[in-house]
Amino acid sequence: MPSRPARPLVAAAAPLVIATVTGCSGTGPGQRESPAVEETTSSSQPAPPSAEQRPSAPPTAASPEPGAQPAAAPLIASARWADSDFGVTLKVAPTPAGRQAWGPLDADAAWQEVVTIAPDGDTPGMREQFDCHWTWARILEPDKPTWNLEPWRPVVAAEQMLAEGCNPGGPEV
């Protein structure tokens, strides 16, 4: 499978971003082309967002305003398990609303939707991978249909998570 053009941008941007925040998307240094992934279930995929649907504001680390509410649900269209060459992967597909949500409570609300759909996905390191994709994939690869989270990846510091393109311990699946 050919690499997506945004991955070199991710690798180049990572050192700058690490200095100020945490998050992710793409393939980290020394990682090889994506392995094959075999779906274990099927689900319809949302259409990629148009230019008008893409996020217009970057995420902020601000504390929630009193009375703040998460964006209207659903933020996640599907979360389904698949097999890959390296182990299982949870393929999380955001909705158009999930691609646009930048509120301070939206990442927590979206993660709750993921674990409601796939409760067995709430294992060490999975939330951190999700947060990395939630923060950075929506900016750097806004048309990426799914964010793949793997329970076999090691739990790492946020800086390493970003440096490895949200895929610590192995290539993007």
N, C-alpha and C. Protein backbone atom coordinates (compact mmCIF):
# COMPACT_ATOMS: atom_id res chain seq x y z
N MET A 1 0.84 -1.16 0.00
CA MET A 1 0.00 0.00 0.00
C MET A 1 0.89 1.23 0.00
N PRO A 2 0.70 2.20 -0.88
CA PRO A 2 1.55 3.38 -0.91
C PRO A 2 1.29 4.28 0.29
N SER A 3 2.32 5.00 0.68
CA SER A 3 2.21 5.91 1.81
C SER A 3 1.34 7.09 1.45
N ARG A 4 0.67 7.63 2.46
CA ARG A 4 -0.12 8.85 2.25
C ARG A 4 0.83 10.04 2.22
N PRO A 5 0.56 11.05 1.42
CA PRO A 5 1.47 12.19 1.31
C PRO A 5 1.63 12.96 2.61
N ALA A 6 0.69 12.88 3.55
CA ALA A 6 0.77 13.66 4.77
C ALA A 6 1.81 13.12 5.75
N ARG A 7 2.22 11.87 5.62
CA ARG A 7 3.13 11.28 6.60
C ARG A 7 4.47 12.01 6.69
N PRO A 8 5.12 12.40 5.58
CA PRO A 8 6.37 13.15 5.74
C PRO A 8 6.15 14.46 6.48
N LEU A 9 5.00 15.09 6.28
CA LEU A 9 4.68 16.31 6.99
C LEU A 9 4.58 16.04 8.48
N VAL A 10 3.97 14.93 8.85
CA VAL A 10 3.85 14.56 10.26
C VAL A 10 5.23 14.39 10.88
N ALA A 11 6.09 13.64 10.21
CA ALA A 11 7.43 13.39 10.74
C ALA A 11 8.21 14.70 10.88
N ALA A 12 8.04 15.61 9.93
CA ALA A 12 8.75 16.89 9.99
C ALA A 12 8.18 17.79 11.08
N ALA A 13 6.86 17.72 11.30
CA ALA A 13 6.22 18.59 12.28
C ALA A 13 6.38 18.09 13.71
N ALA A 14 6.62 16.79 13.89
CA ALA A 14 6.65 16.20 15.22
C ALA A 14 7.60 16.90 16.19
N PRO A 15 8.85 17.17 15.82
CA PRO A 15 9.74 17.82 16.79
C PRO A 15 9.23 19.18 17.25
N LEU A 16 8.59 19.92 16.36
CA LEU A 16 8.06 21.22 16.74
C LEU A 16 6.88 21.07 17.69
N VAL A 17 6.04 20.13 17.39
CA VAL A 17 4.85 19.94 18.21
C VAL A 17 5.20 19.38 19.58
N ILE A 18 6.18 18.48 19.64
CA ILE A 18 6.58 17.89 20.92
C ILE A 18 6.99 18.97 21.91
N ALA A 19 7.60 20.01 21.42
CA ALA A 19 8.07 21.06 22.30
C ALA A 19 6.93 21.81 22.99
N THR A 20 5.73 21.76 22.40
CA THR A 20 4.64 22.55 22.97
C THR A 20 3.43 21.75 23.43
N VAL A 21 3.07 20.68 22.72
CA VAL A 21 1.87 19.91 23.07
C VAL A 21 2.08 18.45 22.77
N THR A 22 1.03 17.65 23.02
CA THR A 22 1.09 16.23 22.70
C THR A 22 -0.03 15.88 21.75
N GLY A 23 0.12 14.78 20.97
CA GLY A 23 -0.90 14.36 20.03
C GLY A 23 -0.30 13.58 18.90
N CYS A 24 -1.05 13.40 17.69
CA CYS A 24 -0.44 12.63 16.62
C CYS A 24 -1.21 12.39 15.35
N SER A 25 -0.52 11.78 14.37
CA SER A 25 -1.03 11.07 13.19
C SER A 25 0.13 10.76 12.27
N GLY A 26 0.06 9.67 11.56
CA GLY A 26 1.07 9.33 10.57
C GLY A 26 2.01 8.24 11.03
N THR A 27 3.13 8.12 10.37
CA THR A 27 4.10 7.07 10.63
C THR A 27 5.37 7.67 11.20
N GLY A 28 5.89 7.06 12.23
CA GLY A 28 7.09 7.58 12.89
C GLY A 28 8.35 7.17 12.18
N PRO A 29 9.48 7.68 12.64
CA PRO A 29 10.76 7.39 12.02
C PRO A 29 11.07 5.89 12.04
N GLY A 30 11.62 5.40 10.97
CA GLY A 30 12.06 4.02 10.90
C GLY A 30 10.94 3.01 10.74
N GLN A 31 9.73 3.48 10.57
CA GLN A 31 8.63 2.54 10.41
C GLN A 31 8.40 2.26 8.94
N ARG A 32 7.94 1.07 8.66
CA ARG A 32 7.77 0.67 7.27
C ARG A 32 6.33 0.83 6.82
N GLU A 33 6.13 0.55 5.58
CA GLU A 33 4.82 0.64 4.97
C GLU A 33 3.80 -0.16 5.76
N SER A 34 2.55 0.28 5.73
CA SER A 34 1.48 -0.36 6.48
C SER A 34 1.28 -1.81 6.06
N PRO A 35 1.06 -2.69 7.05
CA PRO A 35 0.78 -4.09 6.75
C PRO A 35 -0.67 -4.27 6.33
N ALA A 36 -0.99 -5.45 5.85
CA ALA A 36 -2.35 -5.74 5.46
C ALA A 36 -3.24 -5.81 6.69
N VAL A 37 -4.47 -5.38 6.53
CA VAL A 37 -5.45 -5.44 7.60
C VAL A 37 -6.68 -6.16 7.07
N GLU A 38 -7.15 -7.14 7.84
CA GLU A 38 -8.33 -7.90 7.44
C GLU A 38 -9.46 -7.53 8.38
N GLU A 39 -10.56 -7.03 7.81
CA GLU A 39 -11.71 -6.65 8.61
C GLU A 39 -12.37 -7.88 9.20
N THR A 40 -12.80 -7.78 10.46
CA THR A 40 -13.52 -8.88 11.08
C THR A 40 -15.02 -8.61 11.08
N THR A 41 -15.41 -7.36 10.93
CA THR A 41 -16.81 -7.00 10.80
C THR A 41 -16.91 -5.92 9.76
N SER A 42 -18.11 -5.64 9.31
CA SER A 42 -18.25 -4.58 8.33
C SER A 42 -19.13 -3.48 8.89
N SER A 43 -18.89 -2.28 8.41
CA SER A 43 -19.65 -1.11 8.81
C SER A 43 -19.51 -0.08 7.72
N SER A 44 -20.55 0.66 7.48
CA SER A 44 -20.45 1.68 6.43
C SER A 44 -19.55 2.80 6.92
N GLN A 45 -18.74 3.32 6.03
CA GLN A 45 -17.80 4.38 6.35
C GLN A 45 -18.42 5.72 6.02
N PRO A 46 -18.21 6.73 6.86
CA PRO A 46 -18.68 8.06 6.53
C PRO A 46 -17.87 8.62 5.37
N ALA A 47 -18.50 9.45 4.58
CA ALA A 47 -17.79 10.10 3.48
C ALA A 47 -16.76 11.05 4.06
N PRO A 48 -15.60 11.21 3.39
CA PRO A 48 -14.61 12.18 3.88
C PRO A 48 -15.23 13.56 3.93
N PRO A 49 -14.85 14.37 4.91
CA PRO A 49 -15.44 15.69 5.03
C PRO A 49 -15.02 16.61 3.89
N SER A 50 -15.93 17.48 3.51
CA SER A 50 -15.59 18.47 2.50
C SER A 50 -14.78 19.57 3.18
N ALA A 51 -14.28 20.51 2.40
CA ALA A 51 -13.48 21.60 2.96
C ALA A 51 -14.27 22.37 4.01
N GLU A 52 -15.60 22.51 3.81
CA GLU A 52 -16.42 23.24 4.76
C GLU A 52 -16.59 22.47 6.07
N GLN A 53 -16.48 21.14 6.03
CA GLN A 53 -16.68 20.32 7.21
C GLN A 53 -15.42 20.15 8.04
N ARG A 54 -14.27 20.47 7.50
CA ARG A 54 -13.01 20.26 8.22
C ARG A 54 -12.89 21.22 9.38
N PRO A 55 -12.14 20.82 10.40
CA PRO A 55 -11.97 21.68 11.58
C PRO A 55 -11.42 23.04 11.19
N SER A 56 -12.00 24.06 11.78
CA SER A 56 -11.53 25.40 11.47
C SER A 56 -10.66 25.97 12.58
N ALA A 57 -10.65 25.32 13.72
CA ALA A 57 -9.85 25.81 14.84
C ALA A 57 -9.07 24.66 15.44
N PRO A 58 -7.81 24.89 15.80
CA PRO A 58 -7.02 23.83 16.42
C PRO A 58 -7.49 23.56 17.84
N PRO A 59 -7.14 22.41 18.38
CA PRO A 59 -7.53 22.11 19.75
C PRO A 59 -6.83 23.03 20.73
N THR A 60 -7.44 23.22 21.87
CA THR A 60 -6.83 24.03 22.91
C THR A 60 -6.71 23.21 24.18
N ALA A 61 -5.81 23.59 25.03
CA ALA A 61 -5.62 22.90 26.29
C ALA A 61 -6.34 23.63 27.42
N ALA A 62 -7.24 24.55 27.08
CA ALA A 62 -7.94 25.33 28.08
C ALA A 62 -8.86 24.45 28.91
N SER A 63 -9.07 24.89 30.15
CA SER A 63 -10.02 24.19 31.01
C SER A 63 -11.43 24.45 30.50
N PRO A 64 -12.31 23.49 30.69
CA PRO A 64 -13.68 23.69 30.23
C PRO A 64 -14.33 24.89 30.94
N GLU A 65 -15.12 25.63 30.19
CA GLU A 65 -15.88 26.72 30.78
C GLU A 65 -16.95 26.12 31.68
N PRO A 66 -17.32 26.81 32.74
CA PRO A 66 -18.42 26.31 33.57
C PRO A 66 -19.66 26.12 32.70
N GLY A 67 -20.29 24.98 32.83
CA GLY A 67 -21.48 24.69 32.04
C GLY A 67 -21.19 24.22 30.62
N ALA A 68 -19.90 24.01 30.29
CA ALA A 68 -19.55 23.58 28.93
C ALA A 68 -20.15 22.21 28.65
N GLN A 69 -20.56 22.01 27.43
CA GLN A 69 -21.16 20.75 26.99
C GLN A 69 -20.35 20.21 25.82
N PRO A 70 -20.26 18.86 25.70
CA PRO A 70 -19.59 18.30 24.53
C PRO A 70 -20.43 18.55 23.29
N ALA A 71 -19.80 18.41 22.13
CA ALA A 71 -20.50 18.56 20.85
C ALA A 71 -21.62 17.55 20.77
N ALA A 72 -22.57 17.82 19.91
CA ALA A 72 -23.70 16.91 19.72
C ALA A 72 -23.19 15.55 19.26
N ALA A 73 -23.72 14.52 19.87
CA ALA A 73 -23.36 13.14 19.49
C ALA A 73 -24.15 12.76 18.25
N PRO A 74 -23.73 11.80 17.51
CA PRO A 74 -22.52 11.01 17.76
C PRO A 74 -21.28 11.66 17.15
N LEU A 75 -20.16 11.43 17.81
CA LEU A 75 -18.86 11.88 17.32
C LEU A 75 -18.12 10.73 16.65
N ILE A 76 -18.52 9.51 16.96
CA ILE A 76 -17.89 8.31 16.42
C ILE A 76 -18.93 7.51 15.63
N ALA A 77 -18.62 7.24 14.35
CA ALA A 77 -19.53 6.48 13.48
C ALA A 77 -19.43 4.99 13.75
N SER A 78 -18.22 4.48 13.98
CA SER A 78 -18.04 3.06 14.22
C SER A 78 -16.70 2.82 14.90
N ALA A 79 -16.64 1.68 15.58
CA ALA A 79 -15.40 1.18 16.18
C ALA A 79 -15.47 -0.33 16.04
N ARG A 80 -14.65 -0.88 15.16
CA ARG A 80 -14.74 -2.32 14.90
C ARG A 80 -13.34 -2.94 14.91
N TRP A 81 -13.31 -4.17 15.37
CA TRP A 81 -12.05 -4.90 15.46
C TRP A 81 -11.71 -5.52 14.12
N ALA A 82 -10.43 -5.54 13.82
CA ALA A 82 -9.91 -6.18 12.60
C ALA A 82 -8.59 -6.85 12.95
N ASP A 83 -8.18 -7.79 12.12
CA ASP A 83 -6.89 -8.44 12.29
C ASP A 83 -5.89 -7.79 11.34
N SER A 84 -4.64 -7.69 11.80
CA SER A 84 -3.57 -7.17 10.95
C SER A 84 -2.39 -8.14 11.04
N ASP A 85 -1.34 -7.84 10.30
CA ASP A 85 -0.13 -8.66 10.34
C ASP A 85 0.54 -8.64 11.72
N PHE A 86 0.20 -7.66 12.56
CA PHE A 86 0.87 -7.49 13.85
C PHE A 86 -0.02 -7.82 15.03
N GLY A 87 -1.28 -7.98 14.83
CA GLY A 87 -2.23 -8.26 15.91
C GLY A 87 -3.53 -7.54 15.63
N VAL A 88 -4.40 -7.52 16.61
CA VAL A 88 -5.70 -6.90 16.41
C VAL A 88 -5.58 -5.38 16.41
N THR A 89 -6.54 -4.76 15.73
CA THR A 89 -6.61 -3.30 15.66
C THR A 89 -8.07 -2.89 15.79
N LEU A 90 -8.30 -1.82 16.50
CA LEU A 90 -9.64 -1.25 16.62
C LEU A 90 -9.70 -0.07 15.66
N LYS A 91 -10.51 -0.22 14.61
CA LYS A 91 -10.62 0.81 13.58
C LYS A 91 -11.75 1.75 13.98
N VAL A 92 -11.39 2.97 14.37
CA VAL A 92 -12.35 3.97 14.85
C VAL A 92 -12.60 4.98 13.73
N ALA A 93 -13.86 5.12 13.35
CA ALA A 93 -14.25 6.07 12.30
C ALA A 93 -15.03 7.22 12.93
N PRO A 94 -14.52 8.44 12.84
CA PRO A 94 -15.27 9.59 13.37
C PRO A 94 -16.40 9.99 12.42
N THR A 95 -17.41 10.62 12.96
CA THR A 95 -18.49 11.19 12.15
C THR A 95 -18.01 12.56 11.65
N PRO A 96 -18.74 13.18 10.73
CA PRO A 96 -18.41 14.56 10.35
C PRO A 96 -18.41 15.49 11.57
N ALA A 97 -19.34 15.29 12.50
CA ALA A 97 -19.36 16.11 13.72
C ALA A 97 -18.10 15.86 14.55
N GLY A 98 -17.64 14.62 14.59
CA GLY A 98 -16.43 14.29 15.33
C GLY A 98 -15.19 14.91 14.71
N ARG A 99 -15.20 15.09 13.42
CA ARG A 99 -14.06 15.73 12.75
C ARG A 99 -14.03 17.24 13.01
N GLN A 100 -15.15 17.81 13.37
CA GLN A 100 -15.24 19.26 13.58
C GLN A 100 -15.22 19.67 15.05
N ALA A 101 -15.39 18.74 15.95
CA ALA A 101 -15.53 19.05 17.38
C ALA A 101 -14.20 19.44 18.00
N TRP A 102 -14.12 20.65 18.55
CA TRP A 102 -12.89 21.11 19.19
C TRP A 102 -13.12 21.58 20.61
N GLY A 103 -14.28 21.30 21.17
CA GLY A 103 -14.58 21.74 22.53
C GLY A 103 -13.74 21.01 23.56
N PRO A 104 -13.60 21.59 24.74
CA PRO A 104 -12.74 21.00 25.77
C PRO A 104 -13.26 19.66 26.31
N LEU A 105 -14.52 19.34 26.10
CA LEU A 105 -15.08 18.08 26.59
C LEU A 105 -15.26 17.05 25.48
N ASP A 106 -14.98 17.43 24.24
CA ASP A 106 -15.30 16.56 23.10
C ASP A 106 -14.46 15.30 23.02
N ALA A 107 -13.18 15.35 23.35
CA ALA A 107 -12.35 14.14 23.29
C ALA A 107 -12.85 13.10 24.30
N ASP A 108 -13.21 13.55 25.50
CA ASP A 108 -13.74 12.62 26.50
C ASP A 108 -15.05 12.01 26.02
N ALA A 109 -15.94 12.83 25.45
CA ALA A 109 -17.22 12.33 24.97
C ALA A 109 -17.01 11.33 23.83
N ALA A 110 -16.09 11.64 22.93
CA ALA A 110 -15.82 10.73 21.81
C ALA A 110 -15.25 9.41 22.31
N TRP A 111 -14.33 9.46 23.27
CA TRP A 111 -13.76 8.22 23.81
C TRP A 111 -14.86 7.39 24.49
N GLN A 112 -15.77 8.04 25.18
CA GLN A 112 -16.87 7.30 25.81
C GLN A 112 -17.72 6.60 24.75
N GLU A 113 -17.91 7.23 23.60
CA GLU A 113 -18.63 6.57 22.51
C GLU A 113 -17.86 5.34 22.02
N VAL A 114 -16.54 5.47 21.91
CA VAL A 114 -15.72 4.33 21.47
C VAL A 114 -15.88 3.16 22.43
N VAL A 115 -15.75 3.40 23.73
CA VAL A 115 -15.82 2.28 24.67
C VAL A 115 -17.24 1.78 24.86
N THR A 116 -18.22 2.56 24.51
CA THR A 116 -19.59 2.06 24.51
C THR A 116 -19.78 1.08 23.36
N ILE A 117 -19.22 1.41 22.20
CA ILE A 117 -19.31 0.54 21.02
C ILE A 117 -18.42 -0.69 21.20
N ALA A 118 -17.21 -0.49 21.70
CA ALA A 118 -16.22 -1.57 21.84
C ALA A 118 -15.63 -1.55 23.24
N PRO A 119 -16.38 -2.04 24.26
CA PRO A 119 -15.90 -1.96 25.64
C PRO A 119 -14.57 -2.65 25.87
N ASP A 120 -14.26 -3.68 25.08
CA ASP A 120 -12.99 -4.38 25.24
C ASP A 120 -11.81 -3.58 24.69
N GLY A 121 -12.07 -2.40 24.15
CA GLY A 121 -11.00 -1.53 23.67
C GLY A 121 -10.42 -0.62 24.73
N ASP A 122 -11.01 -0.62 25.91
CA ASP A 122 -10.55 0.24 27.00
C ASP A 122 -9.43 -0.45 27.78
N THR A 123 -8.25 -0.54 27.14
CA THR A 123 -7.09 -1.19 27.74
C THR A 123 -5.94 -0.19 27.79
N PRO A 124 -4.89 -0.47 28.58
CA PRO A 124 -3.78 0.47 28.71
C PRO A 124 -3.20 0.90 27.36
N GLY A 125 -3.07 2.19 27.18
CA GLY A 125 -2.48 2.75 25.98
C GLY A 125 -3.47 3.09 24.88
N MET A 126 -4.64 2.50 24.90
CA MET A 126 -5.62 2.75 23.83
C MET A 126 -6.15 4.19 23.88
N ARG A 127 -6.47 4.69 25.06
CA ARG A 127 -6.97 6.06 25.17
C ARG A 127 -5.90 7.05 24.69
N GLU A 128 -4.64 6.77 25.03
CA GLU A 128 -3.56 7.66 24.61
C GLU A 128 -3.42 7.67 23.09
N GLN A 129 -3.54 6.50 22.45
CA GLN A 129 -3.51 6.44 20.98
C GLN A 129 -4.69 7.22 20.40
N PHE A 130 -5.86 7.04 21.01
CA PHE A 130 -7.05 7.75 20.55
C PHE A 130 -6.84 9.26 20.66
N ASP A 131 -6.35 9.72 21.82
CA ASP A 131 -6.13 11.16 22.00
C ASP A 131 -5.15 11.71 20.97
N CYS A 132 -4.12 10.95 20.67
CA CYS A 132 -3.15 11.36 19.66
C CYS A 132 -3.84 11.54 18.30
N HIS A 133 -4.64 10.56 17.93
CA HIS A 133 -5.36 10.66 16.66
C HIS A 133 -6.40 11.79 16.71
N TRP A 134 -7.12 11.90 17.81
CA TRP A 134 -8.15 12.94 17.95
C TRP A 134 -7.52 14.32 17.77
N THR A 135 -6.36 14.51 18.36
CA THR A 135 -5.71 15.82 18.29
C THR A 135 -5.04 16.08 16.94
N TRP A 136 -4.29 15.10 16.43
CA TRP A 136 -3.45 15.38 15.28
C TRP A 136 -3.92 14.82 13.95
N ALA A 137 -4.54 13.65 13.92
CA ALA A 137 -4.98 13.10 12.63
C ALA A 137 -6.04 13.99 12.01
N ARG A 138 -6.87 14.59 12.83
CA ARG A 138 -7.92 15.46 12.27
C ARG A 138 -7.33 16.71 11.62
N ILE A 139 -6.15 17.11 12.04
CA ILE A 139 -5.50 18.27 11.44
C ILE A 139 -4.63 17.86 10.26
N LEU A 140 -3.76 16.86 10.48
CA LEU A 140 -2.77 16.50 9.48
C LEU A 140 -3.27 15.55 8.41
N GLU A 141 -4.25 14.73 8.73
CA GLU A 141 -4.84 13.81 7.75
C GLU A 141 -6.36 13.83 7.90
N PRO A 142 -7.00 14.97 7.59
CA PRO A 142 -8.43 15.12 7.86
C PRO A 142 -9.32 14.14 7.09
N ASP A 143 -8.86 13.57 6.00
CA ASP A 143 -9.66 12.63 5.23
C ASP A 143 -9.40 11.17 5.60
N LYS A 144 -8.54 10.92 6.57
CA LYS A 144 -8.23 9.54 6.97
C LYS A 144 -9.52 8.90 7.48
N PRO A 145 -9.97 7.81 6.84
CA PRO A 145 -11.28 7.25 7.19
C PRO A 145 -11.35 6.64 8.58
N THR A 146 -10.25 6.02 9.05
CA THR A 146 -10.27 5.43 10.39
C THR A 146 -8.97 5.73 11.11
N TRP A 147 -9.07 5.71 12.42
CA TRP A 147 -7.90 5.81 13.28
C TRP A 147 -7.74 4.43 13.91
N ASN A 148 -6.61 3.79 13.68
CA ASN A 148 -6.41 2.43 14.14
C ASN A 148 -5.67 2.42 15.47
N LEU A 149 -6.29 1.80 16.45
CA LEU A 149 -5.75 1.72 17.81
C LEU A 149 -5.45 0.26 18.10
N GLU A 150 -4.27 -0.01 18.65
CA GLU A 150 -3.86 -1.39 18.89
C GLU A 150 -3.50 -1.62 20.35
N PRO A 151 -4.12 -2.64 20.97
CA PRO A 151 -3.82 -2.94 22.37
C PRO A 151 -2.43 -3.53 22.58
N TRP A 152 -1.78 -4.01 21.51
CA TRP A 152 -0.45 -4.59 21.63
C TRP A 152 0.66 -3.54 21.65
N ARG A 153 0.32 -2.29 21.38
CA ARG A 153 1.36 -1.24 21.39
C ARG A 153 1.75 -0.91 22.84
N PRO A 154 3.01 -0.52 23.06
CA PRO A 154 3.43 -0.17 24.42
C PRO A 154 2.83 1.16 24.86
N VAL A 155 2.67 1.31 26.17
CA VAL A 155 2.25 2.57 26.75
C VAL A 155 3.50 3.44 26.82
N VAL A 156 3.45 4.62 26.22
CA VAL A 156 4.62 5.51 26.16
C VAL A 156 4.23 6.93 26.56
N ALA A 157 5.23 7.74 26.82
CA ALA A 157 5.01 9.16 27.11
C ALA A 157 4.42 9.85 25.89
N ALA A 158 3.69 10.91 26.13
CA ALA A 158 3.03 11.64 25.04
C ALA A 158 4.02 12.10 23.97
N GLU A 159 5.21 12.51 24.37
CA GLU A 159 6.20 12.97 23.41
C GLU A 159 6.61 11.84 22.47
N GLN A 160 6.80 10.64 23.03
CA GLN A 160 7.16 9.50 22.19
C GLN A 160 5.98 9.10 21.30
N MET A 161 4.77 9.16 21.83
CA MET A 161 3.58 8.85 21.05
C MET A 161 3.54 9.74 19.80
N LEU A 162 3.75 11.01 19.96
CA LEU A 162 3.74 11.94 18.83
C LEU A 162 4.91 11.67 17.90
N ALA A 163 6.10 11.47 18.46
CA ALA A 163 7.28 11.25 17.63
C ALA A 163 7.12 9.99 16.76
N GLU A 164 6.36 9.01 17.25
CA GLU A 164 6.15 7.78 16.50
C GLU A 164 4.82 7.79 15.74
N GLY A 165 4.29 8.99 15.51
CA GLY A 165 3.09 9.13 14.69
C GLY A 165 1.88 8.43 15.25
N CYS A 166 1.70 8.42 16.55
CA CYS A 166 0.58 7.77 17.24
C CYS A 166 0.66 6.25 17.17
N ASN A 167 1.77 5.71 16.72
CA ASN A 167 1.94 4.27 16.54
C ASN A 167 3.21 3.77 17.21
N PRO A 168 3.29 3.88 18.56
CA PRO A 168 4.52 3.43 19.22
C PRO A 168 4.71 1.92 19.11
N GLY A 169 5.95 1.53 18.95
CA GLY A 169 6.27 0.11 18.97
C GLY A 169 6.07 -0.66 17.68
N GLY A 170 5.74 0.03 16.60
CA GLY A 170 5.54 -0.68 15.34
C GLY A 170 4.95 0.22 14.28
N PRO A 171 4.83 -0.31 13.07
CA PRO A 171 4.33 0.52 11.96
C PRO A 171 2.84 0.79 12.08
N GLU A 172 2.37 1.77 11.32
CA GLU A 172 0.95 2.03 11.24
C GLU A 172 0.26 0.83 10.63
N VAL A 173 -0.87 0.45 11.19
CA VAL A 173 -1.62 -0.71 10.71
C VAL A 173 -2.86 -0.22 10.00
